Amino acid sequence: MSKLPPISETKPNNGGGISQPSAPLPKLPTTSTGNQSQQPSSSKDRTFGIPPPPSGLPPSRDRTFVPRKNPPEYNNRRNPRRRQKTSSSSSSGCCRCFLWSTLILFILVLLFAASIGMFFAIYHPKDTKFSVTDIRLSKFELSPNDQLLSSLTLNISTRNPSESKFHYIYGKVSVSIFSSDDIFIGNGHLPAYDHAGGKTLTLSAKIKNDGKVLDAAKAESFRKTAILNTVIHMDTKAGLKADSLKINYVKIRVVCKDVMLPTRRKLPATVIPIEAKCETKIKFWKWYL
């Protein structure tokens, strides 16, 4: 490396200022490292404010942005833990809602049953008693083409053994008669009525069958049977009223079994079913209890 020449000294001027040097300063020689020399900063360096590399270092490389070949996908799979937490919280909320609804429904049913129990414990109402008084047969035969033709009058006796202030209110009554081997005898209905306590009523229903065809097995069984064992179903809604208190309608079914009907007697005839027994069942959901 060559030595720098000496710098000339400046002498003060008579006017008090600093005079210019007698000779200009020499330029500093450039240094080189290997085969490369110091390059001035590029336009990109000036644009982005990146300083040039120091002396003795290689020049800056091109800083062009190159995107990735496979950029990351931003979708719902980015955070699976958060999604699992959200689904678990929603399912737990549904379970709580179902449990609370079931508990509230159970409490309402319990309160309703308790209120009915208290009513019966305080007032002691008694169930209505039903019985079959007689059956008047006008037509009861099987045609040659296995059509059952029946026309009869069913008389029912009902008694309310409770006190006079207890009124049983019944809606329209649907009456159906079947044999023990499921042969349809006929159907009819009774009008709605109000049954006061301590009274006995007699109700009459017209039962008809306009020629329902029986299958071969049932038709043969009917022709061989002299007395047909039948069952009577009476379906209705019943409510109870006592002074200012009233219990809403509930569905009931009165079932009378062992009602014997002759198939070979000369008609018209009156049958008194001595062995018939009737019981009342309350419908709960889909079953009669």
Protein backbone atom coordinates (compact mmCIF):
# COMPACT_ATOMS: atom_id res chain seq x y z
CA MET A 1 0.00 0.00 0.00
CA SER A 2 1.43 3.46 -0.97
CA LYS A 3 1.90 6.08 1.66
CA LEU A 4 -0.35 9.16 1.76
CA PRO A 5 1.33 12.48 0.90
CA PRO A 6 1.56 15.05 3.69
CA ILE A 7 -1.32 17.46 4.11
CA SER A 8 -0.38 21.11 3.71
CA GLU A 9 -0.93 23.38 6.65
CA THR A 10 -3.30 26.34 6.55
CA LYS A 11 -2.09 29.80 7.58
CA PRO A 12 -4.31 32.47 9.11
CA ASN A 13 -5.15 35.45 6.94
CA ASN A 14 -4.66 39.06 7.93
CA GLY A 15 -8.41 39.58 7.85
CA GLY A 16 -8.91 37.09 10.76
CA GLY A 17 -10.39 34.26 8.61
CA ILE A 18 -8.97 30.95 7.73
CA SER A 19 -7.20 30.90 4.42
CA GLN A 20 -7.52 28.08 1.87
CA PRO A 21 -4.80 25.44 1.84
CA SER A 22 -1.97 26.05 -0.43
CA ALA A 23 -2.52 22.76 -2.28
CA PRO A 24 -5.69 20.59 -2.74
CA LEU A 25 -6.02 17.36 -0.78
CA PRO A 26 -5.15 14.30 -2.74
CA LYS A 27 -7.78 11.69 -3.44
CA LEU A 28 -7.65 8.47 -1.45
CA PRO A 29 -6.75 5.48 -3.53
CA THR A 30 -9.26 2.65 -3.78
CA THR A 31 -8.46 -0.67 -2.20
CA SER A 32 -9.25 -3.95 -3.80
CA THR A 33 -9.77 -7.38 -2.36
CA GLY A 34 -9.01 -10.08 -4.84
CA ASN A 35 -10.44 -9.37 -8.27
CA GLN A 36 -13.45 -7.39 -7.01
CA SER A 37 -13.47 -3.67 -6.26
CA GLN A 38 -15.87 -1.60 -4.13
CA GLN A 39 -19.07 -0.84 -6.07
CA PRO A 40 -21.44 2.02 -5.44
CA SER A 41 -24.81 1.24 -3.91
CA SER A 42 -27.48 0.08 -6.34
CA SER A 43 -30.84 1.74 -7.03
CA LYS A 44 -32.65 -0.99 -5.10
CA ASP A 45 -30.54 -0.21 -2.04
CA ARG A 46 -31.48 3.42 -2.27
CA THR A 47 -35.18 2.59 -2.79
CA PHE A 48 -35.58 0.33 0.25
CA GLY A 49 -33.16 2.24 2.47
CA ILE A 50 -30.67 -0.63 2.74
CA PRO A 51 -27.11 0.68 3.35
CA PRO A 52 -24.36 -0.50 1.05
CA PRO A 53 -22.05 -3.22 2.31
CA PRO A 54 -18.94 -2.05 4.17
CA SER A 55 -15.58 -1.83 2.52
CA GLY A 56 -13.97 -5.16 1.88
CA LEU A 57 -17.28 -7.12 1.65
CA PRO A 58 -18.91 -8.52 -1.46
CA PRO A 59 -21.69 -6.41 -3.00
CA SER A 60 -25.29 -6.99 -1.91
CA ARG A 61 -27.28 -9.59 -3.79
CA ASP A 62 -30.60 -9.04 -5.53
CA ARG A 63 -33.29 -9.08 -2.83
CA THR A 64 -36.23 -10.06 -5.08
CA PHE A 65 -39.21 -11.64 -3.21
CA VAL A 66 -39.82 -15.23 -4.31
CA PRO A 67 -43.21 -16.70 -3.09
CA ARG A 68 -43.39 -20.20 -1.68
CA LYS A 69 -44.38 -23.01 -3.97
CA ASN A 70 -47.05 -24.33 -1.60
CA PRO A 71 -48.56 -21.49 0.48
CA PRO A 72 -50.27 -22.55 3.70
CA GLU A 73 -54.00 -23.23 3.52
CA TYR A 74 -56.19 -21.20 5.85
CA ASN A 75 -59.35 -23.18 6.59
CA ASN A 76 -61.23 -24.70 9.49
CA ARG A 77 -58.51 -27.30 10.00
CA ARG A 78 -56.11 -24.63 11.11
CA ASN A 79 -57.22 -24.93 14.74
CA PRO A 80 -58.84 -28.35 15.38
CA ARG A 81 -58.73 -27.95 19.17
CA ARG A 82 -60.95 -24.87 19.04
CA ARG A 83 -63.47 -26.60 16.77
CA GLN A 84 -63.63 -29.65 19.07
CA LYS A 85 -64.18 -27.36 22.05
CA THR A 86 -67.06 -25.58 20.27
CA SER A 87 -68.80 -28.85 19.29
CA SER A 88 -68.44 -30.32 22.78
CA SER A 89 -69.88 -27.17 24.37
CA SER A 90 -72.92 -27.20 22.03
CA SER A 91 -73.61 -30.91 22.74
CA SER A 92 -73.37 -30.33 26.49
CA GLY A 93 -75.85 -27.43 26.14
CA CYS A 94 -78.35 -29.69 24.34
CA CYS A 95 -77.99 -32.34 27.06
CA ARG A 96 -78.66 -29.78 29.77
CA CYS A 97 -81.72 -28.47 27.93
CA PHE A 98 -83.11 -32.01 27.55
CA LEU A 99 -82.51 -32.83 31.22
CA TRP A 100 -84.19 -29.62 32.40
CA SER A 101 -87.19 -30.19 30.12
CA THR A 102 -87.59 -33.76 31.38
CA LEU A 103 -87.33 -32.60 34.98
CA ILE A 104 -89.95 -29.86 34.50
CA LEU A 105 -92.33 -32.28 32.77
CA PHE A 106 -91.89 -34.82 35.57
CA ILE A 107 -92.63 -32.14 38.20
CA LEU A 108 -95.80 -31.04 36.36
CA VAL A 109 -97.07 -34.62 36.11
CA LEU A 110 -96.29 -35.16 39.79
CA LEU A 111 -98.17 -32.00 40.79
CA PHE A 112 -101.17 -32.99 38.66
CA ALA A 113 -101.27 -36.47 40.20
CA ALA A 114 -100.92 -35.00 43.70
CA SER A 115 -103.79 -32.56 43.11
CA ILE A 116 -106.08 -35.36 41.89
CA GLY A 117 -105.07 -37.53 44.86
CA MET A 118 -105.85 -34.72 47.30
CA PHE A 119 -109.22 -34.14 45.63
CA PHE A 120 -110.22 -37.79 45.96
CA ALA A 121 -108.85 -37.97 49.52
CA ILE A 122 -110.91 -34.96 50.64
CA TYR A 123 -114.21 -35.56 48.80
CA HIS A 124 -114.17 -39.39 48.45
CA PRO A 125 -115.98 -39.69 45.09
CA LYS A 126 -116.90 -43.21 43.97
CA ASP A 127 -116.65 -44.80 40.54
CA THR A 128 -119.69 -45.16 38.33
CA LYS A 129 -121.01 -48.71 38.02
CA PHE A 130 -121.99 -50.05 34.57
CA SER A 131 -123.98 -53.19 33.74
CA VAL A 132 -125.69 -54.72 30.69
CA THR A 133 -129.44 -54.83 31.32
CA ASP A 134 -130.56 -56.68 28.19
CA ILE A 135 -130.01 -57.01 24.44
CA ARG A 136 -132.87 -57.11 21.94
CA LEU A 137 -131.97 -58.99 18.77
CA SER A 138 -133.79 -57.96 15.59
CA LYS A 139 -131.41 -59.50 13.05
CA PHE A 140 -128.42 -61.74 13.65
CA GLU A 141 -127.55 -64.09 10.80
CA LEU A 142 -124.88 -65.05 8.29
CA SER A 143 -125.74 -64.88 4.59
CA PRO A 144 -124.69 -67.61 2.07
CA ASN A 145 -121.84 -65.38 0.82
CA ASP A 146 -120.43 -65.06 4.41
CA GLN A 147 -121.82 -61.59 5.15
CA LEU A 148 -122.76 -60.98 8.79
CA LEU A 149 -126.02 -59.03 9.14
CA SER A 150 -126.89 -57.80 12.63
CA SER A 151 -129.30 -55.31 14.17
CA LEU A 152 -129.78 -55.14 17.94
CA THR A 153 -130.54 -52.74 20.78
CA LEU A 154 -128.12 -52.58 23.70
CA ASN A 155 -129.49 -51.35 27.04
CA ILE A 156 -126.92 -50.24 29.62
CA SER A 157 -127.61 -49.38 33.26
CA THR A 158 -125.25 -46.93 34.99
CA ARG A 159 -125.30 -45.93 38.66
CA ASN A 160 -123.41 -43.10 40.39
CA PRO A 161 -122.97 -44.10 44.08
CA SER A 162 -121.31 -40.78 45.09
CA GLU A 163 -123.01 -37.91 46.89
CA SER A 164 -125.45 -35.70 45.03
CA LYS A 165 -122.90 -32.87 44.57
CA PHE A 166 -120.66 -35.09 42.46
CA HIS A 167 -121.54 -35.01 38.76
CA TYR A 168 -119.85 -37.22 36.19
CA ILE A 169 -119.92 -35.55 32.76
CA TYR A 170 -119.61 -37.93 29.80
CA GLY A 171 -119.06 -37.09 26.17
CA LYS A 172 -120.36 -39.01 23.18
CA VAL A 173 -119.92 -42.76 23.71
CA SER A 174 -118.74 -45.08 20.90
CA VAL A 175 -119.99 -48.67 21.30
CA SER A 176 -118.45 -51.68 19.55
CA ILE A 177 -119.17 -55.40 19.96
CA PHE A 178 -116.71 -58.19 19.07
CA SER A 179 -116.75 -61.92 19.65
CA SER A 180 -114.04 -63.66 21.65
CA ASP A 181 -112.47 -64.91 18.39
CA ASP A 182 -112.43 -61.35 16.93
CA ILE A 183 -115.62 -61.42 14.82
CA PHE A 184 -117.03 -57.92 14.38
CA ILE A 185 -120.71 -57.93 15.45
CA GLY A 186 -121.56 -54.23 15.01
CA ASN A 187 -121.12 -50.71 16.34
CA GLY A 188 -123.18 -47.68 17.42
CA HIS A 189 -123.07 -44.76 19.82
CA LEU A 190 -124.67 -43.16 22.88
CA PRO A 191 -125.32 -39.43 23.31
CA ALA A 192 -123.40 -37.28 25.81
CA TYR A 193 -124.98 -37.04 29.27
CA ASP A 194 -124.55 -35.66 32.80
CA HIS A 195 -124.78 -38.18 35.62
CA ALA A 196 -125.57 -36.71 39.06
CA GLY A 197 -124.60 -38.46 42.28
CA GLY A 198 -127.02 -40.97 43.82
CA LYS A 199 -128.91 -41.59 40.55
CA THR A 200 -129.25 -44.56 38.18
CA LEU A 201 -129.65 -44.10 34.42
CA THR A 202 -130.59 -46.49 31.60
CA LEU A 203 -128.96 -45.85 28.21
CA SER A 204 -129.88 -47.44 24.87
CA ALA A 205 -127.66 -47.81 21.79
CA LYS A 206 -128.58 -49.09 18.32
CA ILE A 207 -125.95 -51.56 17.08
CA LYS A 208 -125.75 -52.47 13.38
CA ASN A 209 -123.58 -54.38 10.96
CA ASP A 210 -124.48 -53.86 7.31
CA GLY A 211 -122.87 -56.98 5.91
CA LYS A 212 -119.15 -57.21 6.66
CA VAL A 213 -117.73 -60.26 4.91
CA LEU A 214 -116.09 -62.85 7.17
CA ASP A 215 -113.20 -65.03 6.11
CA ALA A 216 -113.80 -68.74 5.62
CA ALA A 217 -112.50 -69.83 9.05
CA LYS A 218 -114.59 -67.29 11.01
CA ALA A 219 -117.69 -67.99 8.92
CA GLU A 220 -117.41 -71.72 9.60
CA SER A 221 -116.88 -71.08 13.34
CA PHE A 222 -119.97 -68.82 13.43
CA ARG A 223 -122.18 -71.49 11.78
CA LYS A 224 -121.04 -74.18 14.22
CA THR A 225 -121.54 -72.03 17.33
CA ALA A 226 -124.98 -71.87 18.98
CA ILE A 227 -124.00 -69.24 21.58
CA LEU A 228 -121.43 -66.59 20.78
CA ASN A 229 -119.31 -65.13 23.60
CA THR A 230 -118.94 -61.40 22.96
CA VAL A 231 -117.17 -58.36 24.45
CA ILE A 232 -118.60 -54.82 24.51
CA HIS A 233 -116.30 -51.74 24.34
CA MET A 234 -117.64 -48.28 25.23
CA ASP A 235 -115.11 -45.47 24.61
CA THR A 236 -115.74 -41.93 25.81
CA LYS A 237 -114.37 -38.94 27.74
CA ALA A 238 -115.37 -38.36 31.36
CA GLY A 239 -115.00 -35.40 33.70
CA LEU A 240 -115.90 -34.80 37.35
CA LYS A 241 -117.58 -31.73 38.80
CA ALA A 242 -118.20 -30.98 42.48
CA ASP A 243 -119.62 -27.54 43.38
CA SER A 244 -117.08 -25.06 41.96
CA LEU A 245 -114.35 -27.68 41.45
CA LYS A 246 -113.96 -29.44 38.13
CA ILE A 247 -111.60 -32.08 36.76
CA ASN A 248 -111.04 -31.99 33.01
CA TYR A 249 -112.00 -34.81 30.68
CA VAL A 250 -109.96 -38.00 30.57
CA LYS A 251 -110.40 -40.85 28.09
CA ILE A 252 -111.96 -44.00 29.53
CA ARG A 253 -113.11 -47.36 28.21
CA VAL A 254 -115.86 -49.48 29.75
CA VAL A 255 -115.32 -53.17 28.96
CA CYS A 256 -118.16 -55.67 29.45
CA LYS A 257 -117.13 -59.31 29.08
CA ASP A 258 -118.98 -62.64 28.89
CA VAL A 259 -122.01 -61.26 27.03
CA MET A 260 -123.62 -64.36 25.47
CA LEU A 261 -125.55 -63.98 22.19
CA PRO A 262 -127.52 -66.87 20.62
CA THR A 263 -127.01 -67.47 16.90
CA ARG A 264 -129.87 -69.95 16.24
CA ARG A 265 -132.75 -68.48 18.23
CA LYS A 266 -135.90 -67.36 16.53
CA LEU A 267 -135.89 -63.61 16.08
CA PRO A 268 -136.83 -61.12 17.41
CA ALA A 269 -135.60 -62.14 20.85
CA THR A 270 -134.45 -60.56 24.09
CA VAL A 271 -131.29 -61.75 25.80
CA ILE A 272 -130.46 -61.04 29.45
CA PRO A 273 -126.70 -61.53 29.98
CA ILE A 274 -126.58 -62.64 33.60
CA GLU A 275 -122.84 -63.42 33.66
CA ALA A 276 -121.72 -60.14 32.08
CA LYS A 277 -119.20 -58.10 34.08
CA CYS A 278 -118.15 -54.52 33.32
CA GLU A 279 -115.03 -52.61 34.38
CA THR A 280 -113.77 -49.08 33.71
CA LYS A 281 -110.26 -48.38 32.43
CA ILE A 282 -108.49 -45.01 32.10
CA LYS A 283 -106.40 -44.35 29.02
CA PHE A 284 -102.82 -43.33 29.75
CA TRP A 285 -100.79 -42.38 26.66
CA LYS A 286 -101.65 -45.36 24.39
CA TRP A 287 -102.76 -47.90 26.94
CA TYR A 288 -105.90 -48.43 29.05
CA LEU A 289 -105.10 -49.07 32.71
